[in-house]
Amino acid sequence: MKSIAWTVSGICIVALIAGLINNRLQTGKLDLKKQWPAFSSLQSQEQPETSDDLAAVEQEDPEQAFGELAAEIEGLQGIQDINLTQARRLFLYANDLLLWVDAREDSLFEKGHIQGAIQLYFYEQANYLQGFETAYSDKQPLALVIYCKGKDCHDSHFLAEDLLKMGYSKIFVYRDGFDDWFKAGLPIEGELSQTQANAASPEAGISTEPDPKKGMYLEHILRDSIPFVLGVFLFILWMRKQIQPRHVTLAMLVLAAFFIFAAIPKIGNPLEFAKSIWNYDIAPSILINYGAIGMPWLELIAALAILVPLLRRGASGILLSLLVVFIVAVGFNVLRGHDFNCGCTSTKTFLTQTFLSGWNDKYMLLLRDFGLLVMAGLGLRAQASQSEVSDQN
């Protein structure tokens, strides 16, 4: 047992040190003192706007509307949420006083963005700040208007908080995001501008991409099904006491491959992974920040260690513990009906034409983690007898 304890302790220490060093080197650097707001505080309780609301905005007297909005902007201090109707009113009558900021990544920004907006990708701010500051200096706006994808995207709020700390004191957060702006037929730039121009109606319901809450890509279904099916197969053999060394080797290879695949994207952007942990609405800020920095390296190092027989039992114990935490966190949120992004692996999809509606990605997560849990347990148990003998010696 002492050898297991030393292995676990060593992997955990190395993972934390590697995570802290990596965080300092990343463009998506995470501030360890960052305070994450309560998830519920960013949820909108207002009724959605209608086409009549937007039509009423279009009919306002321009001079009167400008005067009212200029006074509102002048009195603004800090961050204020606005909806689609309010954003349209600002765009129509007070646009010269504003700088619109898109918090999304390159591919989404190029696909389509609000007319005149500049990009400041929240997760890689260091790469975009110079362009933002140049645009701000050129226009000298009275306030910023920040948006991201849609109502469920909170990156605009987090970017607003960062910019507030930098000294930008007047910030509107357009919380309905680009998707609602696009569907309403309002002015945009990018590839989707032609699609929008050809739409039969502003209410045509065109979506920029499938809603992950309403289904899954076939690619992701297959990716999650493989560990589950293999785990069930190994569990049956285990119960029948028919496990052979080749089965253990296969399990360790699959387990290692999965956790390496899961860890690398999170290592590349600690801030983005911290946002995913926050989205579970469970952990306090300090655990979110240190977890985002250390957990991916813990996954990576433990995944490599299970391929070394001498380290396998301790590494399997770490991965098994992580899987239990994942299953409890996902299961708890499924039971309470809380929408969240897993943040487990990369969401990049290559087969984008195979989106299947009706699939529940959270149930698939639980099934996948069950299969991986069996493999981690097999790695822990497969070394038990040999380790116990070594400890006795």
Protein backbone atom coordinates (compact mmCIF):
# COMPACT_ATOMS: atom_id res chain seq x y z
CA MET A 1 0.00 0.00 0.00
CA LYS A 2 2.90 2.37 0.63
CA SER A 3 3.96 2.13 -3.00
CA ILE A 4 0.44 3.10 -4.10
CA ALA A 5 0.43 6.10 -1.76
CA TRP A 6 3.80 7.25 -3.09
CA THR A 7 2.64 6.86 -6.67
CA VAL A 8 -0.58 8.81 -6.08
CA SER A 9 1.20 11.55 -4.13
CA GLY A 10 3.95 11.88 -6.73
CA ILE A 11 1.52 12.09 -9.66
CA CYS A 12 -0.63 14.68 -7.86
CA ILE A 13 2.34 16.91 -6.98
CA VAL A 14 3.83 16.75 -10.46
CA ALA A 15 0.40 17.46 -11.99
CA LEU A 16 -0.12 20.59 -9.87
CA ILE A 17 3.37 21.95 -10.57
CA ALA A 18 3.01 21.25 -14.31
CA GLY A 19 -0.41 22.91 -14.28
CA LEU A 20 0.84 26.08 -12.57
CA ILE A 21 3.76 26.40 -15.00
CA ASN A 22 1.53 25.69 -18.00
CA ASN A 23 -1.00 28.31 -16.86
CA ARG A 24 1.65 31.02 -16.86
CA LEU A 25 2.59 30.19 -20.45
CA GLN A 26 -0.91 30.10 -21.96
CA THR A 27 -2.74 32.89 -23.78
CA GLY A 28 -5.89 31.61 -22.06
CA LYS A 29 -4.31 32.22 -18.65
CA LEU A 30 -6.49 31.71 -15.60
CA ASP A 31 -6.30 34.14 -12.69
CA LEU A 32 -6.17 31.97 -9.57
CA LYS A 33 -7.95 34.74 -7.62
CA LYS A 34 -10.84 34.91 -10.09
CA GLN A 35 -14.22 34.89 -8.37
CA TRP A 36 -16.88 33.08 -10.36
CA PRO A 37 -20.47 34.36 -9.98
CA ALA A 38 -23.36 32.12 -9.04
CA PHE A 39 -24.72 30.43 -12.15
CA SER A 40 -28.27 31.54 -11.32
CA SER A 41 -27.22 35.21 -11.26
CA LEU A 42 -26.62 35.14 -15.03
CA GLN A 43 -29.94 33.56 -15.98
CA SER A 44 -32.49 35.87 -17.61
CA GLN A 45 -36.03 35.79 -16.24
CA GLU A 46 -37.54 38.19 -18.78
CA GLN A 47 -40.13 37.23 -21.37
CA PRO A 48 -38.72 36.90 -24.91
CA GLU A 49 -39.23 39.79 -27.29
CA THR A 50 -41.62 39.62 -30.22
CA SER A 51 -41.53 41.02 -33.75
CA ASP A 52 -43.89 43.76 -32.52
CA ASP A 53 -41.25 44.94 -30.03
CA LEU A 54 -38.69 45.31 -32.82
CA ALA A 55 -41.24 46.98 -35.08
CA ALA A 56 -41.98 49.57 -32.41
CA VAL A 57 -38.26 50.41 -32.18
CA GLU A 58 -38.10 51.00 -35.92
CA GLN A 59 -40.89 53.59 -35.69
CA GLU A 60 -39.31 55.82 -33.02
CA ASP A 61 -38.30 59.41 -33.68
CA PRO A 62 -34.52 59.25 -34.34
CA GLU A 63 -33.63 62.52 -32.59
CA GLN A 64 -35.68 61.76 -29.50
CA ALA A 65 -34.35 58.20 -29.32
CA PHE A 66 -30.77 59.43 -29.68
CA GLY A 67 -31.24 61.92 -26.85
CA GLU A 68 -32.69 59.30 -24.53
CA LEU A 69 -29.98 56.77 -25.32
CA ALA A 70 -27.16 59.31 -25.02
CA ALA A 71 -28.41 60.23 -21.55
CA GLU A 72 -28.69 56.54 -20.63
CA ILE A 73 -25.15 55.83 -21.81
CA GLU A 74 -23.81 58.89 -20.00
CA GLY A 75 -25.33 57.69 -16.73
CA LEU A 76 -24.20 54.08 -17.16
CA GLN A 77 -21.69 52.83 -14.62
CA GLY A 78 -20.36 49.28 -14.73
CA ILE A 79 -22.13 46.44 -16.54
CA GLN A 80 -25.76 46.43 -17.67
CA ASP A 81 -27.62 43.58 -19.39
CA ILE A 82 -29.73 44.39 -22.44
CA ASN A 83 -32.04 42.26 -24.56
CA LEU A 84 -32.55 42.07 -28.34
CA THR A 85 -34.96 45.00 -28.49
CA GLN A 86 -32.68 47.26 -26.44
CA ALA A 87 -29.65 46.22 -28.49
CA ARG A 88 -31.49 46.98 -31.73
CA ARG A 89 -32.46 50.42 -30.39
CA LEU A 90 -28.85 51.21 -29.52
CA PHE A 91 -27.64 49.98 -32.90
CA LEU A 92 -30.25 51.98 -34.79
CA TYR A 93 -30.06 55.32 -32.99
CA ALA A 94 -26.81 55.53 -30.99
CA ASN A 95 -24.33 53.37 -32.86
CA ASP A 96 -21.80 56.19 -33.21
CA LEU A 97 -21.45 56.23 -29.43
CA LEU A 98 -20.75 52.50 -29.14
CA LEU A 99 -18.18 49.83 -29.98
CA TRP A 100 -19.65 46.37 -30.50
CA VAL A 101 -17.45 43.50 -29.29
CA ASP A 102 -17.83 39.84 -30.29
CA ALA A 103 -16.50 37.44 -27.63
CA ARG A 104 -16.60 34.33 -29.86
CA GLU A 105 -13.85 32.36 -31.61
CA ASP A 106 -12.51 32.94 -35.12
CA SER A 107 -14.67 30.41 -36.99
CA LEU A 108 -17.94 31.77 -35.56
CA PHE A 109 -16.90 35.39 -36.01
CA GLU A 110 -15.97 34.81 -39.66
CA LYS A 111 -19.18 32.89 -40.26
CA GLY A 112 -21.20 35.87 -39.11
CA HIS A 113 -21.12 38.79 -36.68
CA ILE A 114 -23.10 41.92 -35.93
CA GLN A 115 -22.35 44.64 -38.46
CA GLY A 116 -19.37 46.75 -37.37
CA ALA A 117 -18.40 44.50 -34.44
CA ILE A 118 -14.77 43.73 -33.66
CA GLN A 119 -13.53 40.44 -32.24
CA LEU A 120 -12.13 39.95 -28.74
CA TYR A 121 -12.16 36.20 -28.15
CA PHE A 122 -12.69 35.71 -24.43
CA TYR A 123 -10.48 32.62 -24.05
CA GLU A 124 -7.49 34.10 -25.89
CA GLN A 125 -7.76 37.77 -25.02
CA ALA A 126 -4.01 38.40 -25.22
CA ASN A 127 -4.07 37.64 -28.96
CA TYR A 128 -6.86 40.13 -29.67
CA LEU A 129 -6.31 42.99 -27.22
CA GLN A 130 -4.11 45.04 -29.53
CA GLY A 131 -6.75 45.04 -32.26
CA PHE A 132 -9.45 45.88 -29.74
CA GLU A 133 -7.46 48.73 -28.24
CA THR A 134 -6.72 50.15 -31.71
CA ALA A 135 -10.40 50.07 -32.64
CA TYR A 136 -11.34 51.64 -29.32
CA SER A 137 -8.74 54.40 -29.77
CA ASP A 138 -9.92 55.12 -33.32
CA LYS A 139 -13.63 55.38 -32.45
CA GLN A 140 -13.44 56.69 -28.86
CA PRO A 141 -16.87 55.23 -27.96
CA LEU A 142 -18.79 56.17 -24.84
CA ALA A 143 -19.60 52.52 -24.10
CA LEU A 144 -19.03 48.94 -25.21
CA VAL A 145 -21.66 46.41 -26.25
CA ILE A 146 -20.45 42.83 -25.77
CA TYR A 147 -22.16 39.69 -27.03
CA CYS A 148 -21.44 36.01 -27.71
CA LYS A 149 -23.48 33.16 -29.22
CA GLY A 150 -26.81 33.24 -27.43
CA LYS A 151 -28.72 33.23 -24.15
CA ASP A 152 -26.85 30.20 -22.83
CA CYS A 153 -23.41 31.65 -23.60
CA HIS A 154 -21.99 33.58 -20.64
CA ASP A 155 -18.62 34.46 -22.17
CA SER A 156 -19.90 37.98 -22.86
CA HIS A 157 -20.48 38.50 -19.13
CA PHE A 158 -17.05 37.18 -18.21
CA LEU A 159 -15.37 39.31 -20.87
CA ALA A 160 -17.28 42.34 -19.58
CA GLU A 161 -15.95 41.68 -16.07
CA ASP A 162 -12.37 41.47 -17.39
CA LEU A 163 -12.74 44.70 -19.37
CA LEU A 164 -14.25 46.42 -16.34
CA LYS A 165 -11.10 45.53 -14.39
CA MET A 166 -9.03 47.01 -17.23
CA GLY A 167 -10.74 50.37 -16.77
CA TYR A 168 -13.58 50.28 -19.30
CA SER A 169 -16.37 51.56 -17.09
CA LYS A 170 -19.45 51.62 -19.36
CA ILE A 171 -20.41 48.21 -20.72
CA PHE A 172 -23.64 46.77 -22.09
CA VAL A 173 -23.93 42.99 -22.31
CA TYR A 174 -26.30 41.98 -25.09
CA ARG A 175 -27.29 38.65 -23.58
CA ASP A 176 -29.44 37.24 -26.42
CA GLY A 177 -26.32 37.01 -28.59
CA PHE A 178 -25.65 36.64 -32.28
CA ASP A 179 -28.11 33.81 -32.90
CA ASP A 180 -31.19 35.87 -31.98
CA TRP A 181 -29.84 38.89 -33.84
CA PHE A 182 -29.36 36.75 -36.95
CA LYS A 183 -32.79 35.12 -36.72
CA ALA A 184 -34.41 38.54 -36.40
CA GLY A 185 -32.91 39.53 -39.76
CA LEU A 186 -30.83 42.38 -38.32
CA PRO A 187 -27.64 43.68 -40.00
CA ILE A 188 -24.70 41.27 -39.99
CA GLU A 189 -21.40 40.74 -41.77
CA GLY A 190 -19.66 37.50 -42.74
CA GLU A 191 -20.54 34.34 -44.65
CA LEU A 192 -24.08 34.18 -43.25
CA SER A 193 -24.99 37.63 -44.55
CA GLN A 194 -25.82 36.12 -47.96
CA THR A 195 -27.86 33.34 -46.36
CA GLN A 196 -29.77 35.89 -44.36
CA ALA A 197 -30.37 38.04 -47.44
CA ASN A 198 -31.90 35.07 -49.24
CA ALA A 199 -34.12 34.04 -46.33
CA ALA A 200 -37.82 34.16 -47.05
CA SER A 201 -38.53 35.92 -43.78
CA PRO A 202 -36.71 37.32 -40.73
CA GLU A 203 -38.67 34.73 -38.75
CA ALA A 204 -37.48 31.84 -40.93
CA GLY A 205 -35.84 30.24 -37.93
CA ILE A 206 -32.43 29.86 -39.54
CA SER A 207 -29.87 28.58 -37.04
CA THR A 208 -26.15 29.10 -37.33
CA GLU A 209 -25.45 25.58 -36.01
CA PRO A 210 -27.31 22.65 -34.38
CA ASP A 211 -28.35 23.02 -30.77
CA PRO A 212 -26.34 20.41 -28.75
CA LYS A 213 -29.12 20.29 -26.17
CA LYS A 214 -31.47 18.78 -28.74
CA GLY A 215 -29.28 15.97 -30.00
CA MET A 216 -25.75 14.74 -30.72
CA TYR A 217 -23.43 14.38 -33.65
CA LEU A 218 -23.03 10.76 -34.77
CA GLU A 219 -19.29 11.17 -34.30
CA HIS A 220 -19.78 11.92 -30.59
CA ILE A 221 -22.27 9.07 -30.15
CA LEU A 222 -19.76 6.59 -31.53
CA ARG A 223 -16.93 8.10 -29.49
CA ASP A 224 -18.90 7.67 -26.24
CA SER A 225 -20.37 4.27 -27.14
CA ILE A 226 -17.04 2.52 -27.68
CA PRO A 227 -15.84 2.80 -24.03
CA PHE A 228 -19.29 1.77 -22.78
CA VAL A 229 -19.54 -1.34 -24.98
CA LEU A 230 -15.98 -2.38 -24.17
CA GLY A 231 -16.59 -1.75 -20.47
CA VAL A 232 -19.68 -3.98 -20.47
CA PHE A 233 -17.75 -6.73 -22.28
CA LEU A 234 -14.88 -6.55 -19.76
CA PHE A 235 -17.29 -6.42 -16.82
CA ILE A 236 -18.96 -9.65 -17.99
CA LEU A 237 -15.58 -11.38 -18.33
CA TRP A 238 -14.56 -10.04 -14.92
CA MET A 239 -17.69 -11.43 -13.24
CA ARG A 240 -17.06 -14.78 -14.90
CA LYS A 241 -13.41 -14.67 -13.80
CA GLN A 242 -12.29 -14.98 -17.41
CA ILE A 243 -10.09 -11.88 -17.56
CA GLN A 244 -6.80 -12.53 -19.35
CA PRO A 245 -3.65 -10.34 -19.47
CA ARG A 246 -4.53 -9.28 -23.03
CA HIS A 247 -7.86 -7.93 -21.75
CA VAL A 248 -6.06 -5.83 -19.16
CA THR A 249 -3.65 -4.53 -21.78
CA LEU A 250 -6.53 -3.56 -24.07
CA ALA A 251 -8.35 -1.82 -21.21
CA MET A 252 -5.25 0.15 -20.22
CA LEU A 253 -4.61 1.26 -23.80
CA VAL A 254 -8.19 2.46 -24.28
CA LEU A 255 -8.27 4.15 -20.88
CA ALA A 256 -4.96 5.89 -21.51
CA ALA A 257 -5.99 6.99 -25.00
CA PHE A 258 -9.25 8.46 -23.74
CA PHE A 259 -7.73 10.47 -20.90
CA ILE A 260 -4.87 11.73 -23.06
CA PHE A 261 -7.42 12.80 -25.67
CA ALA A 262 -9.48 14.48 -22.94
CA ALA A 263 -6.57 16.23 -21.24
CA ILE A 264 -4.76 17.90 -24.15
CA PRO A 265 -7.45 20.46 -25.14
CA LYS A 266 -7.95 21.43 -21.47
CA ILE A 267 -4.21 21.88 -20.96
CA GLY A 268 -4.20 24.25 -23.93
CA ASN A 269 -6.71 26.64 -22.32
CA PRO A 270 -7.12 26.53 -18.51
CA LEU A 271 -9.56 29.45 -18.58
CA GLU A 272 -11.94 27.63 -20.91
CA PHE A 273 -11.85 24.50 -18.76
CA ALA A 274 -12.48 26.57 -15.63
CA LYS A 275 -15.59 27.95 -17.31
CA SER A 276 -16.74 24.36 -17.95
CA ILE A 277 -16.29 23.45 -14.28
CA TRP A 278 -18.16 26.61 -13.25
CA ASN A 279 -20.99 25.57 -15.55
CA TYR A 280 -21.70 22.55 -13.32
CA ASP A 281 -22.77 25.06 -10.64
CA ILE A 282 -21.34 22.95 -7.80
CA ALA A 283 -17.80 23.95 -6.81
CA PRO A 284 -16.58 27.17 -5.11
CA SER A 285 -14.23 29.48 -7.02
CA ILE A 286 -11.00 28.24 -5.43
CA LEU A 287 -11.75 24.64 -6.39
CA ILE A 288 -12.76 25.72 -9.89
CA ASN A 289 -9.48 27.54 -10.48
CA TYR A 290 -7.07 24.98 -9.04
CA GLY A 291 -9.10 22.13 -10.51
CA ALA A 292 -8.90 23.66 -13.98
CA ILE A 293 -5.14 24.04 -13.66
CA GLY A 294 -4.27 20.70 -12.08
CA MET A 295 -6.93 18.21 -13.22
CA PRO A 296 -5.96 18.01 -16.93
CA TRP A 297 -2.35 17.30 -15.99
CA LEU A 298 -3.52 14.75 -13.43
CA GLU A 299 -5.47 13.02 -16.21
CA LEU A 300 -2.54 13.12 -18.61
CA ILE A 301 0.16 11.91 -16.21
CA ALA A 302 -2.05 9.19 -14.70
CA ALA A 303 -3.03 8.04 -18.21
CA LEU A 304 0.63 7.63 -19.13
CA ALA A 305 1.44 6.00 -15.80
CA ILE A 306 -1.12 3.19 -16.17
CA LEU A 307 0.93 1.93 -19.12
CA VAL A 308 3.81 1.28 -16.69
CA PRO A 309 3.08 -1.89 -14.66
CA LEU A 310 4.95 -0.60 -11.60
CA LEU A 311 2.78 2.56 -11.48
CA ARG A 312 -0.46 1.06 -12.78
CA ARG A 313 -2.29 0.48 -9.53
CA GLY A 314 -1.79 4.00 -8.16
CA ALA A 315 -2.56 5.61 -11.53
CA SER A 316 -5.67 3.48 -11.94
CA GLY A 317 -6.82 4.59 -8.50
CA ILE A 318 -6.48 8.24 -9.53
CA LEU A 319 -8.43 7.75 -12.75
CA LEU A 320 -11.07 5.71 -10.96
CA SER A 321 -11.50 8.51 -8.40
CA LEU A 322 -11.79 11.13 -11.14
CA LEU A 323 -14.42 9.05 -12.90
CA VAL A 324 -16.45 8.73 -9.70
CA VAL A 325 -16.34 12.53 -9.31
CA PHE A 326 -17.43 12.99 -12.93
CA ILE A 327 -20.30 10.51 -12.58
CA VAL A 328 -21.56 12.13 -9.36
CA ALA A 329 -21.33 15.66 -10.84
CA VAL A 330 -23.06 14.72 -14.09
CA GLY A 331 -25.68 12.56 -12.36
CA PHE A 332 -26.50 15.28 -9.81
CA ASN A 333 -27.07 17.86 -12.54
CA VAL A 334 -29.14 15.45 -14.64
CA LEU A 335 -31.39 14.75 -11.66
CA ARG A 336 -31.95 18.44 -10.92
CA GLY A 337 -32.47 19.30 -14.58
CA HIS A 338 -29.54 21.70 -14.79
CA ASP A 339 -28.21 22.43 -18.29
CA PHE A 340 -24.42 22.33 -18.47
CA ASN A 341 -21.51 21.63 -20.79
CA CYS A 342 -19.46 18.63 -19.75
CA GLY A 343 -16.03 20.03 -20.60
CA CYS A 344 -14.75 16.44 -20.59
CA THR A 345 -13.27 16.30 -24.07
CA SER A 346 -12.87 18.48 -27.14
CA THR A 347 -16.17 19.46 -28.78
CA LYS A 348 -14.54 19.70 -32.22
CA THR A 349 -16.57 17.79 -34.79
CA PHE A 350 -15.39 16.59 -38.20
CA LEU A 351 -18.58 14.89 -39.44
CA THR A 352 -20.82 17.94 -39.12
CA GLN A 353 -23.49 16.63 -41.49
CA THR A 354 -24.52 13.78 -39.18
CA PHE A 355 -26.40 15.49 -36.35
CA LEU A 356 -29.04 13.24 -34.77
CA SER A 357 -31.87 14.86 -32.83
CA GLY A 358 -33.31 13.24 -29.73
CA TRP A 359 -30.04 11.88 -28.30
CA ASN A 360 -29.34 12.90 -24.70
CA ASP A 361 -25.63 13.68 -24.41
CA LYS A 362 -25.72 13.58 -20.59
CA TYR A 363 -26.97 9.98 -20.55
CA MET A 364 -24.28 9.08 -23.04
CA LEU A 365 -21.70 10.66 -20.73
CA LEU A 366 -22.84 8.48 -17.85
CA LEU A 367 -22.75 5.32 -19.98
CA ARG A 368 -19.29 6.18 -21.30
CA ASP A 369 -17.95 6.87 -17.80
CA PHE A 370 -19.36 3.58 -16.55
CA GLY A 371 -17.33 1.75 -19.21
CA LEU A 372 -14.19 3.70 -18.31
CA LEU A 373 -14.83 3.04 -14.61
CA VAL A 374 -14.78 -0.71 -15.26
CA MET A 375 -11.43 -0.36 -17.06
CA ALA A 376 -9.93 1.71 -14.22
CA GLY A 377 -11.19 -0.84 -11.70
CA LEU A 378 -9.67 -3.61 -13.78
CA GLY A 379 -6.30 -1.84 -13.77
CA LEU A 380 -6.50 -1.41 -10.01
CA ARG A 381 -7.54 -5.02 -9.37
CA ALA A 382 -5.21 -6.62 -11.91
CA GLN A 383 -2.17 -5.44 -9.97
CA ALA A 384 -3.60 -6.11 -6.53
CA SER A 385 -2.15 -9.53 -5.86
CA GLN A 386 1.32 -8.66 -7.10
CA SER A 387 1.35 -5.36 -5.18
CA GLU A 388 0.22 -7.00 -1.95
CA VAL A 389 3.04 -9.51 -2.20
CA SER A 390 5.56 -6.72 -2.82
CA ASP A 391 4.28 -4.76 0.19
CA GLN A 392 4.66 -7.80 2.41
CA ASN A 393 8.26 -8.20 1.28
